[in-house]
Structures are given as C-alpha cells and as structure tokens.
Amino acid sequence: MKNGVPYSTAMDELSAAEVMLYSITFSEFEGARFNWHAMQFEEKQSG
C-alpha cells in the first residue's frame, strides 16, 4: 500500500492508463517532475 491505495485495487480495478496517471501524480506529490511531452520523468538537479 502506498498513498492509501492498496496494490490490489490499483492493479485489479484500474485501467493501465489510470495506473500510469496515478503513479505520475503520486510521484509528483513526492517532488518528482514528469515531462508530458517527452513522457518521462525529469532528472533531479542537485543544488
């Protein structure tokens, strides 16, 4: 379970697109940045 969502709920009840959307959203809550044009996460810059 992460962010209050049980793994079985995410894998059994959501489409692949919904799983991707929630994964990106929850990662951004933790400080990650997703580039929607490149469809990949941006590298964190030190500093």
PDB file of N, CA and C in Angstrom:
ATOM      1  N   MET A   1       0.851  -1.164   0.000  1.00  0.00           N
ATOM      2  CA  MET A   1       0.000   0.000   0.000  1.00  0.00           C
ATOM      3  C   MET A   1       0.903   1.235   0.000  1.00  0.00           C
ATOM      4  N   LYS A   2       0.547   2.179  -0.841  1.00  0.00           N
ATOM      5  CA  LYS A   2       1.267   3.443  -0.884  1.00  0.00           C
ATOM      6  C   LYS A   2       0.242   4.538  -1.117  1.00  0.00           C
ATOM      7  N   ASN A   3       0.394   5.637  -0.418  1.00  0.00           N
ATOM      8  CA  ASN A   3      -0.532   6.768  -0.534  1.00  0.00           C
ATOM      9  C   ASN A   3      -1.982   6.360  -0.268  1.00  0.00           C
ATOM     10  N   GLY A   4      -2.159   5.366   0.562  1.00  0.00           N
ATOM     11  CA  GLY A   4      -3.501   4.943   0.936  1.00  0.00           C
ATOM     12  C   GLY A   4      -4.234   4.104  -0.100  1.00  0.00           C
ATOM     13  N   VAL A   5      -3.518   3.678  -1.159  1.00  0.00           N
ATOM     14  CA  VAL A   5      -4.154   2.882  -2.209  1.00  0.00           C
ATOM     15  C   VAL A   5      -3.588   1.467  -2.168  1.00  0.00           C
ATOM     16  N   PRO A   6      -4.411   0.469  -1.854  1.00  0.00           N
ATOM     17  CA  PRO A   6      -3.929  -0.907  -1.845  1.00  0.00           C
ATOM     18  C   PRO A   6      -3.484  -1.342  -3.243  1.00  0.00           C
ATOM     19  N   TYR A   7      -2.399  -2.092  -3.316  1.00  0.00           N
ATOM     20  CA  TYR A   7      -1.857  -2.560  -4.596  1.00  0.00           C
ATOM     21  C   TYR A   7      -2.911  -3.320  -5.386  1.00  0.00           C
ATOM     22  N   SER A   8      -3.684  -4.163  -4.721  1.00  0.00           N
ATOM     23  CA  SER A   8      -4.678  -4.966  -5.438  1.00  0.00           C
ATOM     24  C   SER A   8      -5.745  -4.087  -6.096  1.00  0.00           C
ATOM     25  N   THR A   9      -6.114  -2.993  -5.461  1.00  0.00           N
ATOM     26  CA  THR A   9      -7.080  -2.073  -6.065  1.00  0.00           C
ATOM     27  C   THR A   9      -6.506  -1.455  -7.324  1.00  0.00           C
ATOM     28  N   ALA A  10      -5.272  -1.015  -7.243  1.00  0.00           N
ATOM     29  CA  ALA A  10      -4.637  -0.366  -8.393  1.00  0.00           C
ATOM     30  C   ALA A  10      -4.496  -1.326  -9.565  1.00  0.00           C
ATOM     31  N   MET A  11      -4.150  -2.559  -9.308  1.00  0.00           N
ATOM     32  CA  MET A  11      -3.880  -3.489 -10.400  1.00  0.00           C
ATOM     33  C   MET A  11      -5.136  -4.194 -10.914  1.00  0.00           C
ATOM     34  N   ASP A  12      -6.133  -4.346 -10.072  1.00  0.00           N
ATOM     35  CA  ASP A  12      -7.322  -5.108 -10.471  1.00  0.00           C
ATOM     36  C   ASP A  12      -8.464  -4.253 -11.013  1.00  0.00           C
ATOM     37  N   GLU A  13      -8.586  -3.036 -10.526  1.00  0.00           N
ATOM     38  CA  GLU A  13      -9.776  -2.255 -10.832  1.00  0.00           C
ATOM     39  C   GLU A  13      -9.536  -1.065 -11.753  1.00  0.00           C
ATOM     40  N   LEU A  14      -8.283  -0.720 -12.019  1.00  0.00           N
ATOM     41  CA  LEU A  14      -7.982   0.443 -12.846  1.00  0.00           C
ATOM     42  C   LEU A  14      -7.390   0.020 -14.182  1.00  0.00           C
ATOM     43  N   SER A  15      -7.630   0.827 -15.192  1.00  0.00           N
ATOM     44  CA  SER A  15      -7.022   0.560 -16.495  1.00  0.00           C
ATOM     45  C   SER A  15      -5.525   0.901 -16.437  1.00  0.00           C
ATOM     46  N   ALA A  16      -4.783   0.477 -17.436  1.00  0.00           N
ATOM     47  CA  ALA A  16      -3.343   0.768 -17.491  1.00  0.00           C
ATOM     48  C   ALA A  16      -3.107   2.279 -17.518  1.00  0.00           C
ATOM     49  N   ALA A  17      -3.946   3.006 -18.229  1.00  0.00           N
ATOM     50  CA  ALA A  17      -3.800   4.462 -18.297  1.00  0.00           C
ATOM     51  C   ALA A  17      -4.042   5.112 -16.937  1.00  0.00           C
ATOM     52  N   GLU A  18      -5.029   4.612 -16.192  1.00  0.00           N
ATOM     53  CA  GLU A  18      -5.311   5.153 -14.862  1.00  0.00           C
ATOM     54  C   GLU A  18      -4.174   4.847 -13.891  1.00  0.00           C
ATOM     55  N   VAL A  19      -3.612   3.646 -13.977  1.00  0.00           N
ATOM     56  CA  VAL A  19      -2.480   3.294 -13.116  1.00  0.00           C
ATOM     57  C   VAL A  19      -1.310   4.240 -13.403  1.00  0.00           C
ATOM     58  N   MET A  20      -1.031   4.502 -14.687  1.00  0.00           N
ATOM     59  CA  MET A  20       0.053   5.403 -15.054  1.00  0.00           C
ATOM     60  C   MET A  20      -0.214   6.804 -14.515  1.00  0.00           C
ATOM     61  N   LEU A  21      -1.438   7.298 -14.688  1.00  0.00           N
ATOM     62  CA  LEU A  21      -1.791   8.629 -14.223  1.00  0.00           C
ATOM     63  C   LEU A  21      -1.594   8.764 -12.717  1.00  0.00           C
ATOM     64  N   TYR A  22      -2.096   7.807 -11.964  1.00  0.00           N
ATOM     65  CA  TYR A  22      -1.945   7.873 -10.514  1.00  0.00           C
ATOM     66  C   TYR A  22      -0.484   7.725 -10.099  1.00  0.00           C
ATOM     67  N   SER A  23       0.276   6.887 -10.771  1.00  0.00           N
ATOM     68  CA  SER A  23       1.695   6.728 -10.456  1.00  0.00           C
ATOM     69  C   SER A  23       2.445   8.042 -10.639  1.00  0.00           C
ATOM     70  N   ILE A  24       2.156   8.716 -11.741  1.00  0.00           N
ATOM     71  CA  ILE A  24       2.800  10.005 -12.004  1.00  0.00           C
ATOM     72  C   ILE A  24       2.371  11.037 -10.962  1.00  0.00           C
ATOM     73  N   THR A  25       1.080  11.099 -10.694  1.00  0.00           N
ATOM     74  CA  THR A  25       0.557  12.076  -9.735  1.00  0.00           C
ATOM     75  C   THR A  25       1.169  11.874  -8.355  1.00  0.00           C
ATOM     76  N   PHE A  26       1.186  10.636  -7.861  1.00  0.00           N
ATOM     77  CA  PHE A  26       1.741  10.377  -6.535  1.00  0.00           C
ATOM     78  C   PHE A  26       3.244  10.633  -6.506  1.00  0.00           C
ATOM     79  N   SER A  27       3.944  10.374  -7.604  1.00  0.00           N
ATOM     80  CA  SER A  27       5.375  10.673  -7.674  1.00  0.00           C
ATOM     81  C   SER A  27       5.605  12.177  -7.610  1.00  0.00           C
ATOM     82  N   GLU A  28       4.736  12.946  -8.258  1.00  0.00           N
ATOM     83  CA  GLU A  28       4.863  14.397  -8.199  1.00  0.00           C
ATOM     84  C   GLU A  28       4.579  14.921  -6.793  1.00  0.00           C
ATOM     85  N   PHE A  29       3.695  14.267  -6.050  1.00  0.00           N
ATOM     86  CA  PHE A  29       3.462  14.652  -4.652  1.00  0.00           C
ATOM     87  C   PHE A  29       4.753  14.540  -3.854  1.00  0.00           C
ATOM     88  N   GLU A  30       5.633  13.629  -4.242  1.00  0.00           N
ATOM     89  CA  GLU A  30       6.891  13.398  -3.537  1.00  0.00           C
ATOM     90  C   GLU A  30       8.048  14.196  -4.133  1.00  0.00           C
ATOM     91  N   GLY A  31       7.754  15.114  -5.049  1.00  0.00           N
ATOM     92  CA  GLY A  31       8.772  16.008  -5.563  1.00  0.00           C
ATOM     93  C   GLY A  31       9.294  15.699  -6.958  1.00  0.00           C
ATOM     94  N   ALA A  32       8.862  14.618  -7.569  1.00  0.00           N
ATOM     95  CA  ALA A  32       9.309  14.290  -8.924  1.00  0.00           C
ATOM     96  C   ALA A  32       8.622  15.225  -9.924  1.00  0.00           C
ATOM     97  N   ARG A  33       9.248  15.399 -11.086  1.00  0.00           N
ATOM     98  CA  ARG A  33       8.640  16.197 -12.155  1.00  0.00           C
ATOM     99  C   ARG A  33       8.537  15.329 -13.391  1.00  0.00           C
ATOM    100  N   PHE A  34       7.348  15.294 -13.985  1.00  0.00           N
ATOM    101  CA  PHE A  34       7.107  14.490 -15.174  1.00  0.00           C
ATOM    102  C   PHE A  34       6.953  15.407 -16.373  1.00  0.00           C
ATOM    103  N   ASN A  35       7.680  15.099 -17.454  1.00  0.00           N
ATOM    104  CA  ASN A  35       7.595  15.858 -18.692  1.00  0.00           C
ATOM    105  C   ASN A  35       6.580  15.163 -19.583  1.00  0.00           C
ATOM    106  N   TRP A  36       5.410  15.765 -19.751  1.00  0.00           N
ATOM    107  CA  TRP A  36       4.330  15.142 -20.514  1.00  0.00           C
ATOM    108  C   TRP A  36       4.634  15.072 -21.998  1.00  0.00           C
ATOM    109  N   HIS A  37       5.435  15.996 -22.511  1.00  0.00           N
ATOM    110  CA  HIS A  37       5.783  15.975 -23.935  1.00  0.00           C
ATOM    111  C   HIS A  37       6.745  14.831 -24.248  1.00  0.00           C
ATOM    112  N   ALA A  38       7.705  14.599 -23.353  1.00  0.00           N
ATOM    113  CA  ALA A  38       8.680  13.524 -23.548  1.00  0.00           C
ATOM    114  C   ALA A  38       8.191  12.200 -22.960  1.00  0.00           C
ATOM    115  N   MET A  39       7.129  12.264 -22.144  1.00  0.00           N
ATOM    116  CA  MET A  39       6.575  11.090 -21.462  1.00  0.00           C
ATOM    117  C   MET A  39       7.623  10.375 -20.609  1.00  0.00           C
ATOM    118  N   GLN A  40       8.365  11.168 -19.841  1.00  0.00           N
ATOM    119  CA  GLN A  40       9.347  10.601 -18.917  1.00  0.00           C
ATOM    120  C   GLN A  40       9.580  11.576 -17.766  1.00  0.00           C
ATOM    121  N   PHE A  41      10.103  11.027 -16.676  1.00  0.00           N
ATOM    122  CA  PHE A  41      10.429  11.872 -15.541  1.00  0.00           C
ATOM    123  C   PHE A  41      11.705  12.642 -15.843  1.00  0.00           C
ATOM    124  N   GLU A  42      11.761  13.870 -15.328  1.00  0.00           N
ATOM    125  CA  GLU A  42      12.957  14.679 -15.471  1.00  0.00           C
ATOM    126  C   GLU A  42      13.920  14.321 -14.364  1.00  0.00           C
ATOM    127  N   GLU A  43      15.215  14.395 -14.663  1.00  0.00           N
ATOM    128  CA  GLU A  43      16.226  14.110 -13.656  1.00  0.00           C
ATOM    129  C   GLU A  43      16.251  15.253 -12.636  1.00  0.00           C
ATOM    130  N   LYS A  44      16.423  14.875 -11.372  1.00  0.00           N
ATOM    131  CA  LYS A  44      16.536  15.877 -10.327  1.00  0.00           C
ATOM    132  C   LYS A  44      17.898  16.539 -10.428  1.00  0.00           C
ATOM    133  N   GLN A  45      17.902  17.852 -10.290  1.00  0.00           N
ATOM    134  CA  GLN A  45      19.158  18.591 -10.329  1.00  0.00           C
ATOM    135  C   GLN A  45      19.627  18.815  -8.907  1.00  0.00           C
ATOM    136  N   SER A  46      20.894  18.559  -8.666  1.00  0.00           N
ATOM    137  CA  SER A  46      21.429  18.759  -7.321  1.00  0.00           C
ATOM    138  C   SER A  46      21.640  20.243  -7.075  1.00  0.00           C
ATOM    139  N   GLY A  47      21.512  20.607  -5.828  1.00  0.00           N
ATOM    140  CA  GLY A  47      21.765  22.006  -5.517  1.00  0.00           C
ATOM    141  C   GLY A  47      20.711  22.548  -4.719  1.00  0.00           C
TER     142      GLY A  47
END
